[in-house]
C-alpha atoms as a PDB file:
ATOM      1  CA  UNK A   1      19.673 220.374 175.452  1.00  0.00           C
ATOM      2  CA  UNK A   2      18.359 217.332 176.553  1.00  0.00           C
ATOM      3  CA  UNK A   3      18.169 216.412 172.680  1.00  0.00           C
ATOM      4  CA  UNK A   4      21.621 217.098 172.301  1.00  0.00           C
ATOM      5  CA  UNK A   5      22.642 215.511 175.237  1.00  0.00           C
ATOM      6  CA  UNK A   6      20.558 212.013 173.760  1.00  0.00           C
ATOM      7  CA  UNK A   7      22.196 212.906 170.422  1.00  0.00           C
ATOM      8  CA  UNK A   8      25.926 212.864 172.154  1.00  0.00           C
ATOM      9  CA  UNK A   9      24.812 209.666 173.799  1.00  0.00           C
ATOM     10  CA  UNK A  10      23.884 207.968 170.829  1.00  0.00           C
ATOM     11  CA  UNK A  11      26.403 208.514 168.518  1.00  0.00           C
ATOM     12  CA  UNK A  12      28.964 207.498 171.429  1.00  0.00           C
ATOM     13  CA  UNK A  13      26.595 204.371 171.790  1.00  0.00           C
ATOM     14  CA  UNK A  14      26.889 203.564 167.951  1.00  0.00           C
ATOM     15  CA  UNK A  15      30.583 202.329 168.801  1.00  0.00           C
ATOM     16  CA  UNK A  16      29.540 199.337 170.171  1.00  0.00           C
ATOM     17  CA  UNK A  17      29.613 195.996 168.154  1.00  0.00           C
ATOM     18  CA  UNK A  18      29.016 192.365 168.309  1.00  0.00           C
ATOM     19  CA  UNK A  19      31.803 189.530 167.476  1.00  0.00           C
ATOM     20  CA  UNK A  20      31.075 186.166 167.264  1.00  0.00           C
ATOM     21  CA  UNK A  21      32.378 182.927 168.304  1.00  0.00           C
ATOM     22  CA  UNK A  22      34.029 182.148 164.821  1.00  0.00           C
ATOM     23  CA  UNK A  23      34.814 185.950 163.968  1.00  0.00           C
ATOM     24  CA  UNK A  24      37.449 188.520 164.517  1.00  0.00           C
ATOM     25  CA  UNK A  25      36.952 192.206 165.025  1.00  0.00           C
ATOM     26  CA  UNK A  26      39.709 194.564 163.050  1.00  0.00           C
ATOM     27  CA  UNK A  27      39.497 198.017 164.515  1.00  0.00           C
ATOM     28  CA  UNK A  28      40.328 201.236 162.069  1.00  0.00           C
ATOM     29  CA  UNK A  29      41.467 204.312 162.873  1.00  0.00           C
ATOM     30  CA  UNK A  30      41.067 206.869 160.262  1.00  0.00           C
ATOM     31  CA  UNK A  31      41.203 204.051 157.950  1.00  0.00           C
ATOM     32  CA  UNK A  32      44.171 202.592 159.303  1.00  0.00           C
ATOM     33  CA  UNK A  33      44.353 199.121 161.176  1.00  0.00           C
ATOM     34  CA  UNK A  34      45.263 199.561 164.828  1.00  0.00           C
ATOM     35  CA  UNK A  35      43.980 196.339 166.681  1.00  0.00           C
ATOM     36  CA  UNK A  36      41.986 193.231 166.661  1.00  0.00           C
ATOM     37  CA  UNK A  37      39.419 192.014 168.954  1.00  0.00           C
ATOM     38  CA  UNK A  38      38.251 188.618 170.029  1.00  0.00           C
ATOM     39  CA  UNK A  39      34.515 187.198 170.077  1.00  0.00           C
ATOM     40  CA  UNK A  40      32.048 189.360 172.472  1.00  0.00           C
ATOM     41  CA  UNK A  41      31.175 192.346 172.620  1.00  0.00           C
ATOM     42  CA  UNK A  42      33.928 195.697 171.929  1.00  0.00           C
ATOM     43  CA  UNK A  43      33.757 199.001 171.621  1.00  0.00           C
ATOM     44  CA  UNK A  44      35.288 201.493 169.226  1.00  0.00           C
ATOM     45  CA  UNK A  45      35.450 205.029 169.263  1.00  0.00           C
ATOM     46  CA  UNK A  46      32.484 206.247 166.654  1.00  0.00           C
ATOM     47  CA  UNK A  47      32.781 206.785 163.007  1.00  0.00           C
ATOM     48  CA  UNK A  48      34.642 208.933 161.519  1.00  0.00           C
ATOM     49  CA  UNK A  49      37.348 208.390 164.324  1.00  0.00           C
ATOM     50  CA  UNK A  50      37.484 204.343 164.481  1.00  0.00           C
ATOM     51  CA  UNK A  51      35.602 201.891 162.617  1.00  0.00           C
ATOM     52  CA  UNK A  52      35.673 197.818 162.918  1.00  0.00           C
ATOM     53  CA  UNK A  53      35.483 195.181 159.870  1.00  0.00           C
ATOM     54  CA  UNK A  54      34.136 191.761 161.426  1.00  0.00           C
ATOM     55  CA  UNK A  55      35.822 188.643 159.185  1.00  0.00           C
ATOM     56  CA  UNK A  56      34.822 184.991 159.661  1.00  0.00           C
ATOM     57  CA  UNK A  57      37.763 183.232 160.043  1.00  0.00           C
ATOM     58  CA  UNK A  58      37.069 179.338 161.361  1.00  0.00           C
ATOM     59  CA  UNK A  59      34.510 178.578 158.619  1.00  0.00           C
ATOM     60  CA  UNK A  60      35.650 176.754 155.431  1.00  0.00           C
ATOM     61  CA  UNK A  61      35.431 179.098 152.109  1.00  0.00           C
ATOM     62  CA  UNK A  62      35.172 177.150 148.788  1.00  0.00           C
ATOM     63  CA  UNK A  63      35.354 178.488 144.818  1.00  0.00           C
ATOM     64  CA  UNK A  64      34.184 175.910 142.253  1.00  0.00           C
ATOM     65  CA  UNK A  65      36.008 176.452 138.877  1.00  0.00           C
ATOM     66  CA  UNK A  66      34.120 175.388 136.056  1.00  0.00           C
ATOM     67  CA  UNK A  67      30.641 174.652 137.590  1.00  0.00           C
ATOM     68  CA  UNK A  68      28.295 176.423 140.400  1.00  0.00           C
ATOM     69  CA  UNK A  69      25.878 174.719 142.475  1.00  0.00           C
ATOM     70  CA  UNK A  70      22.410 176.031 142.403  1.00  0.00           C
ATOM     71  CA  UNK A  71      21.335 173.764 144.792  1.00  0.00           C
ATOM     72  CA  UNK A  72      22.019 170.262 146.389  1.00  0.00           C
ATOM     73  CA  UNK A  73      22.287 167.823 143.962  1.00  0.00           C
ATOM     74  CA  UNK A  74      22.006 170.356 140.927  1.00  0.00           C
ATOM     75  CA  UNK A  75      24.828 171.866 139.266  1.00  0.00           C
ATOM     76  CA  UNK A  76      25.339 173.916 135.963  1.00  0.00           C
ATOM     77  CA  UNK A  77      28.515 174.208 133.649  1.00  0.00           C
ATOM     78  CA  UNK A  78      30.654 176.967 132.957  1.00  0.00           C
ATOM     79  CA  UNK A  79      32.213 176.231 129.306  1.00  0.00           C
ATOM     80  CA  UNK A  80      33.921 179.177 129.539  1.00  0.00           C
ATOM     81  CA  UNK A  81      35.807 178.071 132.832  1.00  0.00           C
ATOM     82  CA  UNK A  82      35.830 174.102 132.455  1.00  0.00           C
ATOM     83  CA  UNK A  83      37.168 173.645 128.992  1.00  0.00           C
ATOM     84  CA  UNK A  84      40.967 173.439 128.930  1.00  0.00           C
ATOM     85  CA  UNK A  85      43.842 172.254 126.257  1.00  0.00           C
ATOM     86  CA  UNK A  86      46.055 169.466 127.097  1.00  0.00           C
ATOM     87  CA  UNK A  87      49.879 168.969 126.312  1.00  0.00           C
ATOM     88  CA  UNK A  88      48.754 166.818 123.952  1.00  0.00           C
ATOM     89  CA  UNK A  89      46.442 168.988 122.149  1.00  0.00           C
ATOM     90  CA  UNK A  90      43.533 167.290 123.330  1.00  0.00           C
ATOM     91  CA  UNK A  91      40.475 169.369 124.941  1.00  0.00           C
ATOM     92  CA  UNK A  92      38.995 168.122 128.191  1.00  0.00           C
ATOM     93  CA  UNK A  93      36.796 169.690 130.316  1.00  0.00           C
ATOM     94  CA  UNK A  94      37.934 169.822 134.105  1.00  0.00           C
ATOM     95  CA  UNK A  95      35.871 170.653 137.149  1.00  0.00           C
ATOM     96  CA  UNK A  96      37.310 171.626 140.496  1.00  0.00           C
ATOM     97  CA  UNK A  97      36.581 172.707 144.088  1.00  0.00           C
ATOM     98  CA  UNK A  98      39.248 174.970 146.267  1.00  0.00           C
ATOM     99  CA  UNK A  99      38.544 174.926 149.774  1.00  0.00           C
ATOM    100  CA  UNK A 100      40.505 177.637 152.043  1.00  0.00           C
ATOM    101  CA  UNK A 101      40.015 179.294 155.387  1.00  0.00           C
ATOM    102  CA  UNK A 102      41.180 182.953 156.557  1.00  0.00           C
ATOM    103  CA  UNK A 103      44.757 182.724 158.072  1.00  0.00           C
ATOM    104  CA  UNK A 104      45.508 186.404 158.578  1.00  0.00           C
ATOM    105  CA  UNK A 105      42.017 188.594 158.912  1.00  0.00           C
ATOM    106  CA  UNK A 106      44.107 191.852 158.555  1.00  0.00           C
ATOM    107  CA  UNK A 107      45.687 190.661 155.184  1.00  0.00           C
ATOM    108  CA  UNK A 108      42.575 189.635 153.810  1.00  0.00           C
ATOM    109  CA  UNK A 109      40.558 192.530 154.678  1.00  0.00           C
ATOM    110  CA  UNK A 110      43.049 195.362 154.148  1.00  0.00           C
ATOM    111  CA  UNK A 111      45.146 193.756 151.234  1.00  0.00           C
ATOM    112  CA  UNK A 112      42.511 192.557 148.942  1.00  0.00           C
ATOM    113  CA  UNK A 113      38.740 193.553 147.809  1.00  0.00           C
ATOM    114  CA  UNK A 114      37.617 190.153 147.263  1.00  0.00           C
ATOM    115  CA  UNK A 115      38.942 186.932 148.170  1.00  0.00           C
ATOM    116  CA  UNK A 116      36.613 184.757 146.261  1.00  0.00           C
ATOM    117  CA  UNK A 117      37.506 186.398 142.928  1.00  0.00           C
ATOM    118  CA  UNK A 118      41.599 186.171 144.025  1.00  0.00           C
ATOM    119  CA  UNK A 119      41.020 182.514 144.923  1.00  0.00           C
ATOM    120  CA  UNK A 120      38.989 181.464 141.308  1.00  0.00           C
ATOM    121  CA  UNK A 121      41.208 183.405 138.896  1.00  0.00           C
ATOM    122  CA  UNK A 122      44.576 182.414 141.045  1.00  0.00           C
ATOM    123  CA  UNK A 123      43.418 178.411 140.829  1.00  0.00           C
ATOM    124  CA  UNK A 124      41.907 178.411 137.429  1.00  0.00           C
ATOM    125  CA  UNK A 125      45.079 179.946 135.905  1.00  0.00           C
ATOM    126  CA  UNK A 126      47.303 177.478 137.588  1.00  0.00           C
ATOM    127  CA  UNK A 127      44.944 174.429 136.719  1.00  0.00           C
ATOM    128  CA  UNK A 128      45.186 175.466 133.121  1.00  0.00           C
ATOM    129  CA  UNK A 129      48.947 175.608 133.115  1.00  0.00           C
ATOM    130  CA  UNK A 130      49.173 171.741 134.715  1.00  0.00           C
ATOM    131  CA  UNK A 131      46.612 170.746 132.874  1.00  0.00           C
ATOM    132  CA  UNK A 132      48.772 172.209 129.662  1.00  0.00           C
ATOM    133  CA  UNK A 133      51.736 170.139 130.918  1.00  0.00           C
ATOM    134  CA  UNK A 134      50.175 166.954 130.646  1.00  0.00           C
ATOM    135  CA  UNK A 135      48.279 164.347 128.266  1.00  0.00           C
ATOM    136  CA  UNK A 136      44.668 163.239 128.243  1.00  0.00           C
ATOM    137  CA  UNK A 137      45.098 160.023 129.135  1.00  0.00           C
ATOM    138  CA  UNK A 138      47.018 160.867 132.137  1.00  0.00           C
ATOM    139  CA  UNK A 139      44.525 163.256 133.377  1.00  0.00           C
ATOM    140  CA  UNK A 140      41.872 161.124 132.628  1.00  0.00           C
ATOM    141  CA  UNK A 141      43.601 158.296 134.543  1.00  0.00           C
ATOM    142  CA  UNK A 142      46.909 158.346 136.593  1.00  0.00           C
ATOM    143  CA  UNK A 143      47.455 162.041 137.314  1.00  0.00           C
ATOM    144  CA  UNK A 144      44.113 163.467 138.873  1.00  0.00           C
ATOM    145  CA  UNK A 145      45.073 163.040 142.266  1.00  0.00           C
ATOM    146  CA  UNK A 146      48.896 164.335 141.212  1.00  0.00           C
ATOM    147  CA  UNK A 147      47.396 167.447 139.512  1.00  0.00           C
ATOM    148  CA  UNK A 148      45.093 168.530 142.742  1.00  0.00           C
ATOM    149  CA  UNK A 149      47.899 168.153 145.047  1.00  0.00           C
ATOM    150  CA  UNK A 150      50.366 170.136 142.400  1.00  0.00           C
ATOM    151  CA  UNK A 151      47.817 172.765 141.728  1.00  0.00           C
ATOM    152  CA  UNK A 152      47.050 173.321 146.026  1.00  0.00           C
ATOM    153  CA  UNK A 153      50.642 173.517 146.473  1.00  0.00           C
ATOM    154  CA  UNK A 154      50.941 176.376 143.517  1.00  0.00           C
ATOM    155  CA  UNK A 155      48.093 178.234 144.484  1.00  0.00           C
ATOM    156  CA  UNK A 156      49.202 178.910 147.924  1.00  0.00           C
ATOM    157  CA  UNK A 157      52.618 179.915 146.731  1.00  0.00           C
ATOM    158  CA  UNK A 158      51.058 182.514 144.788  1.00  0.00           C
ATOM    159  CA  UNK A 159      48.347 183.692 147.210  1.00  0.00           C
ATOM    160  CA  UNK A 160      51.473 183.843 150.029  1.00  0.00           C
ATOM    161  CA  UNK A 161      53.352 186.032 147.137  1.00  0.00           C
ATOM    162  CA  UNK A 162      50.114 188.263 147.351  1.00  0.00           C
ATOM    163  CA  UNK A 163      50.641 188.439 151.021  1.00  0.00           C
ATOM    164  CA  UNK A 164      46.498 187.317 150.759  1.00  0.00           C
ATOM    165  CA  UNK A 165      46.299 186.063 154.557  1.00  0.00           C
ATOM    166  CA  UNK A 166      44.532 183.052 152.553  1.00  0.00           C
ATOM    167  CA  UNK A 167      45.747 179.310 153.686  1.00  0.00           C
ATOM    168  CA  UNK A 168      44.436 176.789 150.985  1.00  0.00           C
ATOM    169  CA  UNK A 169      42.906 173.415 152.735  1.00  0.00           C
ATOM    170  CA  UNK A 170      42.105 171.172 149.408  1.00  0.00           C
ATOM    171  CA  UNK A 171      41.921 171.051 146.263  1.00  0.00           C
ATOM    172  CA  UNK A 172      39.521 168.478 144.313  1.00  0.00           C
ATOM    173  CA  UNK A 173      39.041 167.579 141.032  1.00  0.00           C
ATOM    174  CA  UNK A 174      35.013 167.067 140.655  1.00  0.00           C
ATOM    175  CA  UNK A 175      34.852 165.428 137.252  1.00  0.00           C
ATOM    176  CA  UNK A 176      37.392 165.528 134.411  1.00  0.00           C
ATOM    177  CA  UNK A 177      35.810 164.188 130.905  1.00  0.00           C
ATOM    178  CA  UNK A 178      35.994 164.674 127.355  1.00  0.00           C
ATOM    179  CA  UNK A 179      33.569 167.508 126.293  1.00  0.00           C
ATOM    180  CA  UNK A 180      30.367 166.370 125.188  1.00  0.00           C
ATOM    181  CA  UNK A 181      30.278 166.948 121.627  1.00  0.00           C
ATOM    182  CA  UNK A 182      33.341 164.605 121.295  1.00  0.00           C
ATOM    183  CA  UNK A 183      32.567 162.288 123.926  1.00  0.00           C
ATOM    184  CA  UNK A 184      31.074 159.621 121.311  1.00  0.00           C
ATOM    185  CA  UNK A 185      34.466 160.009 118.904  1.00  0.00           C
ATOM    186  CA  UNK A 186      36.796 159.865 122.220  1.00  0.00           C
ATOM    187  CA  UNK A 187      34.519 156.557 123.371  1.00  0.00           C
ATOM    188  CA  UNK A 188      35.481 155.001 120.313  1.00  0.00           C
ATOM    189  CA  UNK A 189      39.099 155.842 120.554  1.00  0.00           C
ATOM    190  CA  UNK A 190      39.177 154.302 124.029  1.00  0.00           C
ATOM    191  CA  UNK A 191      37.763 151.249 122.905  1.00  0.00           C
ATOM    192  CA  UNK A 192      40.469 150.875 120.044  1.00  0.00           C
ATOM    193  CA  UNK A 193      43.032 151.516 122.626  1.00  0.00           C
ATOM    194  CA  UNK A 194      41.100 148.725 125.151  1.00  0.00           C
ATOM    195  CA  UNK A 195      41.535 146.572 122.034  1.00  0.00           C
ATOM    196  CA  UNK A 196      44.923 146.986 121.426  1.00  0.00           C
ATOM    197  CA  UNK A 197      46.384 146.615 125.358  1.00  0.00           C
ATOM    198  CA  UNK A 198      44.339 143.172 124.600  1.00  0.00           C
ATOM    199  CA  UNK A 199      45.731 142.093 121.463  1.00  0.00           C
ATOM    200  CA  UNK A 200      49.046 142.961 122.832  1.00  0.00           C
ATOM    201  CA  UNK A 201      48.186 141.221 126.628  1.00  0.00           C
ATOM    202  CA  UNK A 202      47.179 138.301 124.670  1.00  0.00           C
ATOM    203  CA  UNK A 203      50.805 138.299 121.922  1.00  0.00           C
ATOM    204  CA  UNK A 204      52.783 138.423 125.298  1.00  0.00           C
ATOM    205  CA  UNK A 205      51.143 135.695 127.145  1.00  0.00           C
ATOM    206  CA  UNK A 206      51.210 133.261 123.713  1.00  0.00           C
ATOM    207  CA  UNK A 207      55.285 134.591 123.673  1.00  0.00           C
ATOM    208  CA  UNK A 208      55.660 133.727 127.506  1.00  0.00           C
ATOM    209  CA  UNK A 209      54.062 129.707 126.642  1.00  0.00           C
ATOM    210  CA  UNK A 210      55.721 129.807 123.535  1.00  0.00           C
ATOM    211  CA  UNK A 211      59.268 130.727 124.402  1.00  0.00           C
ATOM    212  CA  UNK A 212      59.623 128.106 127.584  1.00  0.00           C
ATOM    213  CA  UNK A 213      58.612 125.265 125.059  1.00  0.00           C
ATOM    214  CA  UNK A 214      60.698 126.264 122.555  1.00  0.00           C
ATOM    215  CA  UNK A 215      63.747 126.522 125.160  1.00  0.00           C
ATOM    216  CA  UNK A 216      62.850 123.377 126.755  1.00  0.00           C
ATOM    217  CA  UNK A 217      62.878 121.695 123.467  1.00  0.00           C
ATOM    218  CA  UNK A 218      66.158 123.405 122.675  1.00  0.00           C
ATOM    219  CA  UNK A 219      67.609 122.164 125.846  1.00  0.00           C
ATOM    220  CA  UNK A 220      66.537 118.493 125.120  1.00  0.00           C
ATOM    221  CA  UNK A 221      67.710 118.625 121.726  1.00  0.00           C
ATOM    222  CA  UNK A 222      71.405 119.624 122.981  1.00  0.00           C
ATOM    223  CA  UNK A 223      70.939 117.208 125.734  1.00  0.00           C
ATOM    224  CA  UNK A 224      70.090 114.744 122.782  1.00  0.00           C
ATOM    225  CA  UNK A 225      73.364 115.421 120.437  1.00  0.00           C
ATOM    226  CA  UNK A 226      75.748 115.843 123.677  1.00  0.00           C
ATOM    227  CA  UNK A 227      74.721 112.086 124.527  1.00  0.00           C
ATOM    228  CA  UNK A 228      74.822 111.031 120.659  1.00  0.00           C
ATOM    229  CA  UNK A 229      78.574 112.976 120.864  1.00  0.00           C
ATOM    230  CA  UNK A 230      79.221 111.083 123.861  1.00  0.00           C
ATOM    231  CA  UNK A 231      78.399 107.703 122.887  1.00  0.00           C
ATOM    232  CA  UNK A 232      80.307 107.989 119.606  1.00  0.00           C
ATOM    233  CA  UNK A 233      83.394 109.145 121.324  1.00  0.00           C
ATOM    234  CA  UNK A 234      82.948 106.039 123.759  1.00  0.00           C
ATOM    235  CA  UNK A 235      82.542 104.082 120.975  1.00  0.00           C
ATOM    236  CA  UNK A 236      85.119 105.551 118.581  1.00  0.00           C
ATOM    237  CA  UNK A 237      87.565 104.912 121.390  1.00  0.00           C
ATOM    238  CA  UNK A 238      86.503 101.093 122.051  1.00  0.00           C
ATOM    239  CA  UNK A 239      86.717 100.780 118.188  1.00  0.00           C
ATOM    240  CA  UNK A 240      90.465 102.399 118.930  1.00  0.00           C
ATOM    241  CA  UNK A 241      91.225  99.618 121.803  1.00  0.00           C
ATOM    242  CA  UNK A 242      90.196  96.771 120.146  1.00  0.00           C
ATOM    243  CA  UNK A 243      92.364  97.770 117.269  1.00  0.00           C
ATOM    244  CA  UNK A 244      95.010  98.138 119.275  1.00  0.00           C
ATOM    245  CA  UNK A 245      94.348  94.998 121.038  1.00  0.00           C
ATOM    246  CA  UNK A 246      94.364  93.211 117.506  1.00  0.00           C
ATOM    247  CA  UNK A 247      97.523  94.419 115.973  1.00  0.00           C
ATOM    248  CA  UNK A 248      99.528  93.509 119.127  1.00  0.00           C
ATOM    249  CA  UNK A 249      97.865  89.854 118.359  1.00  0.00           C
ATOM    250  CA  UNK A 250      98.406  90.387 114.648  1.00  0.00           C
ATOM    251  CA  UNK A 251     102.308  91.505 115.653  1.00  0.00           C
ATOM    252  CA  UNK A 252     102.655  88.362 117.571  1.00  0.00           C
ATOM    253  CA  UNK A 253     101.161  85.833 115.142  1.00  0.00           C
ATOM    254  CA  UNK A 254     100.207  87.034 111.698  1.00  0.00           C
ATOM    255  CA  UNK A 255      99.063  84.425 110.222  1.00  0.00           C
ATOM    256  CA  UNK A 256      96.870  82.719 112.812  1.00  0.00           C
ATOM    257  CA  UNK A 257      95.056  86.200 113.355  1.00  0.00           C
ATOM    258  CA  UNK A 258      94.493  86.900 109.879  1.00  0.00           C
ATOM    259  CA  UNK A 259      92.873  83.279 109.423  1.00  0.00           C
ATOM    260  CA  UNK A 260      90.866  84.481 112.726  1.00  0.00           C
ATOM    261  CA  UNK A 261      89.568  87.722 111.306  1.00  0.00           C
ATOM    262  CA  UNK A 262      89.063  85.911 107.907  1.00  0.00           C
ATOM    263  CA  UNK A 263      86.696  83.116 109.798  1.00  0.00           C
ATOM    264  CA  UNK A 264      85.008  85.671 112.003  1.00  0.00           C
ATOM    265  CA  UNK A 265      84.462  87.841 108.919  1.00  0.00           C
ATOM    266  CA  UNK A 266      82.570  84.896 107.027  1.00  0.00           C
ATOM    267  CA  UNK A 267      80.874  83.705 109.772  1.00  0.00           C
ATOM    268  CA  UNK A 268      79.371  87.295 110.327  1.00  0.00           C
ATOM    269  CA  UNK A 269      78.586  87.111 106.441  1.00  0.00           C
ATOM    270  CA  UNK A 270      76.939  83.783 106.321  1.00  0.00           C
ATOM    271  CA  UNK A 271      74.888  84.134 108.804  1.00  0.00           C
ATOM    272  CA  UNK A 272      73.108  87.231 107.750  1.00  0.00           C
ATOM    273  CA  UNK A 273      72.593  85.420 104.288  1.00  0.00           C
ATOM    274  CA  UNK A 274      69.874  82.883 103.395  1.00  0.00           C
ATOM    275  CA  UNK A 275      71.532  81.654 100.278  1.00  0.00           C
ATOM    276  CA  UNK A 276      75.446  80.572  99.830  1.00  0.00           C
ATOM    277  CA  UNK A 277      76.844  80.141  96.289  1.00  0.00           C
ATOM    278  CA  UNK A 278      80.053  77.596  97.142  1.00  0.00           C
ATOM    279  CA  UNK A 279      82.694  76.901  93.956  1.00  0.00           C
ATOM    280  CA  UNK A 280      84.960  74.037  94.118  1.00  0.00           C
ATOM    281  CA  UNK A 281      87.876  72.880  91.933  1.00  0.00           C
ATOM    282  CA  UNK A 282      85.171  71.776  88.936  1.00  0.00           C
ATOM    283  CA  UNK A 283      83.693  75.120  88.497  1.00  0.00           C
ATOM    284  CA  UNK A 284      80.347  73.937  88.900  1.00  0.00           C
ATOM    285  CA  UNK A 285      78.102  76.605  90.590  1.00  0.00           C
ATOM    286  CA  UNK A 286      76.286  75.018  93.261  1.00  0.00           C
ATOM    287  CA  UNK A 287      73.660  76.370  95.611  1.00  0.00           C
ATOM    288  CA  UNK A 288      73.187  75.646  99.542  1.00  0.00           C
ATOM    289  CA  UNK A 289      70.110  77.103 100.304  1.00  0.00           C
ATOM    290  CA  UNK A 290      70.729  77.194 104.019  1.00  0.00           C
ATOM    291  CA  UNK A 291      67.266  78.657 104.633  1.00  0.00           C
ATOM    292  CA  UNK A 292      65.733  75.368 103.943  1.00  0.00           C
ATOM    293  CA  UNK A 293      68.215  73.615 105.849  1.00  0.00           C
ATOM    294  CA  UNK A 294      67.116  75.637 108.793  1.00  0.00           C
ATOM    295  CA  UNK A 295      63.266  74.548 108.152  1.00  0.00           C
END
């Protein structure tokens, strides 16, 4: 009788369980979830009537895509996960870490079998789509953070659609690089692109230097031409006024004006000549050395 009592006592005492400070206990009755209990000592009816599933809810979990951590500072690459095809037909090696925690313990415990597998497979699938929609240059440089953010958002949407109760905390691109087999060729291409950019920069610098000079010279030429044109116009206007004045004098006294103009012209010509030939009535050429007379 005592043995039976002891067995019964042990049977009912087997219903006690302990829930840690970062955990939650999910009680099932005949396999169906009934309620949850918080940290501390709890009790449920003995198996097979009731059972408990204890879930860690506060600790941050992680999954690694493309590599695995062997120990601190030591990693192993998984090429079947890391090698991905870009939108411009290149192959790139991408290693990623996704961090997540449990948002709804009941969904996690009773909806999915392994939270790690579903997070890893979903993240890898989304990441491959994101890489396939970008070029290798943008993945290696400007779009790393953008790809991380978009991947996190899309993974969360997919996990919500599957009703997993998982919340994605962070997605980090650990390493993005060309495959080891082609890294030398890729570096050569990179160097060629840098040389091209350098030449383009130097050409633009020369252009920015020569164009202002050419524009300045053109402006100076235009300015000189405008000045010359203005000078010619003023001279022409002056000559026209002078001609009108002479015409007015000529109309008043034609003979006097004609003689004065003749003498002025003769004086101008003779002042510029070094030798002068004078003819008189005898028709004998006489040479007048004005230059010698000046001395």
